[in-house]
C-alpha atoms as a PDB file:
ATOM      1  CA  MET A   1     -90.760  52.313 -43.396  1.00  0.00           C
ATOM      2  CA  LYS A   2     -87.836  54.775 -41.519  1.00  0.00           C
ATOM      3  CA  PRO A   3     -88.650  58.450 -41.519  1.00  0.00           C
ATOM      4  CA  ILE A   4     -87.203  60.444 -44.100  1.00  0.00           C
ATOM      5  CA  ASP A   5     -84.411  63.246 -42.828  1.00  0.00           C
ATOM      6  CA  GLU A   6     -82.471  65.966 -44.694  1.00  0.00           C
ATOM      7  CA  GLN A   7     -79.232  63.633 -44.853  1.00  0.00           C
ATOM      8  CA  HIS A   8     -81.614  61.982 -47.482  1.00  0.00           C
ATOM      9  CA  ILE A   9     -82.520  64.450 -49.708  1.00  0.00           C
ATOM     10  CA  ALA A  10     -79.474  67.200 -49.145  1.00  0.00           C
ATOM     11  CA  GLU A  11     -79.339  68.207 -52.715  1.00  0.00           C
ATOM     12  CA  PRO A  12     -81.205  69.827 -55.540  1.00  0.00           C
ATOM     13  CA  GLY A  13     -82.573  66.923 -57.052  1.00  0.00           C
ATOM     14  CA  LEU A  14     -82.201  64.170 -54.774  1.00  0.00           C
ATOM     15  CA  VAL A  15     -85.887  63.135 -54.047  1.00  0.00           C
ATOM     16  CA  VAL A  16     -87.506  59.757 -52.040  1.00  0.00           C
ATOM     17  CA  LEU A  17     -90.009  57.569 -53.661  1.00  0.00           C
ATOM     18  CA  ASP A  18     -92.267  55.753 -51.878  1.00  0.00           C
ATOM     19  CA  ILE A  19     -93.668  53.477 -54.412  1.00  0.00           C
ATOM     20  CA  THR A  20     -96.750  51.033 -53.394  1.00  0.00           C
ATOM     21  CA  GLY A  21     -98.355  48.755 -55.832  1.00  0.00           C
ATOM     22  CA  GLY A  22    -101.166  45.915 -55.986  1.00  0.00           C
ATOM     23  CA  ASP A  23     -98.466  43.291 -56.903  1.00  0.00           C
ATOM     24  CA  GLU A  24     -94.642  43.403 -57.406  1.00  0.00           C
ATOM     25  CA  ASP A  25     -94.833  43.116 -60.899  1.00  0.00           C
ATOM     26  CA  THR A  26     -96.507  46.116 -60.952  1.00  0.00           C
ATOM     27  CA  VAL A  27     -93.606  48.021 -58.486  1.00  0.00           C
ATOM     28  CA  ARG A  28     -90.852  46.529 -60.276  1.00  0.00           C
ATOM     29  CA  ALA A  29     -92.320  48.112 -63.583  1.00  0.00           C
ATOM     30  CA  VAL A  30     -92.545  51.858 -61.917  1.00  0.00           C
ATOM     31  CA  MET A  31     -88.785  51.592 -60.650  1.00  0.00           C
ATOM     32  CA  THR A  32     -87.687  50.014 -64.140  1.00  0.00           C
ATOM     33  CA  ALA A  33     -89.257  52.806 -66.050  1.00  0.00           C
ATOM     34  CA  LEU A  34     -87.880  55.639 -63.110  1.00  0.00           C
ATOM     35  CA  GLU A  35     -84.323  53.933 -63.522  1.00  0.00           C
ATOM     36  CA  GLU A  36     -84.736  54.748 -67.270  1.00  0.00           C
ATOM     37  CA  ARG A  37     -85.509  58.172 -67.029  1.00  0.00           C
ATOM     38  CA  TRP A  38     -83.031  59.255 -63.846  1.00  0.00           C
ATOM     39  CA  ALA A  39     -80.523  57.976 -61.784  1.00  0.00           C
ATOM     40  CA  THR A  40     -82.145  55.909 -59.131  1.00  0.00           C
ATOM     41  CA  SER A  41     -81.021  53.041 -56.127  1.00  0.00           C
ATOM     42  CA  GLY A  42     -82.483  50.563 -58.505  1.00  0.00           C
ATOM     43  CA  ILE A  43     -84.999  47.675 -58.145  1.00  0.00           C
ATOM     44  CA  VAL A  44     -84.987  47.743 -54.406  1.00  0.00           C
ATOM     45  CA  PRO A  45     -86.343  44.818 -52.217  1.00  0.00           C
ATOM     46  CA  MET A  46     -89.953  45.048 -51.370  1.00  0.00           C
ATOM     47  CA  ARG A  47     -91.849  44.726 -48.837  1.00  0.00           C
ATOM     48  CA  ARG A  48     -95.557  43.890 -47.496  1.00  0.00           C
ATOM     49  CA  ASP A  49     -97.002  45.259 -43.979  1.00  0.00           C
ATOM     50  CA  PRO A  50     -99.075  42.570 -42.300  1.00  0.00           C
ATOM     51  CA  GLY A  51    -102.810  43.926 -42.700  1.00  0.00           C
ATOM     52  CA  GLU A  52    -101.816  46.763 -45.192  1.00  0.00           C
ATOM     53  CA  PRO A  53    -102.935  46.214 -49.175  1.00  0.00           C
ATOM     54  CA  GLY A  54    -100.551  46.064 -51.476  1.00  0.00           C
ATOM     55  CA  VAL A  55     -96.538  46.202 -51.824  1.00  0.00           C
ATOM     56  CA  ARG A  56     -94.137  48.893 -51.074  1.00  0.00           C
ATOM     57  CA  ALA A  57     -90.936  49.902 -51.917  1.00  0.00           C
ATOM     58  CA  ARG A  58     -88.757  53.229 -51.076  1.00  0.00           C
ATOM     59  CA  SER A  59     -86.514  54.604 -54.057  1.00  0.00           C
ATOM     60  CA  TYR A  60     -84.166  57.188 -54.667  1.00  0.00           C
ATOM     61  CA  ALA A  61     -83.374  59.217 -57.350  1.00  0.00           C
ATOM     62  CA  ASP A  62     -81.393  62.301 -58.761  1.00  0.00           C
ATOM     63  CA  VAL A  63     -83.915  63.626 -61.014  1.00  0.00           C
ATOM     64  CA  LEU A  64     -80.782  65.591 -62.659  1.00  0.00           C
ATOM     65  CA  ARG A  65     -78.916  62.892 -63.902  1.00  0.00           C
ATOM     66  CA  PRO A  66     -79.974  60.738 -66.876  1.00  0.00           C
ATOM     67  CA  GLY A  67     -80.906  57.291 -66.457  1.00  0.00           C
ATOM     68  CA  ARG A  68     -79.556  54.064 -68.049  1.00  0.00           C
ATOM     69  CA  GLU A  69     -79.898  53.674 -71.385  1.00  0.00           C
ATOM     70  CA  ALA A  70     -83.345  51.300 -72.571  1.00  0.00           C
ATOM     71  CA  PRO A  71     -82.205  48.560 -74.040  1.00  0.00           C
END
């Protein structure tokens, strides 16, 4: 993944989350739960790194803004 720089988190409340899980369903469930709590970049593409266990995703969130309503 690309390095995180100051532009990614230039304001208070902005965070970058690197999520690693055993499978895509687990990582998708985490991103969905975060989306319900905070304003996030949503369900982002996941990737597998050759030779590394698990699935990875990078999500961006604003912890000062509420997320979407749970269905």
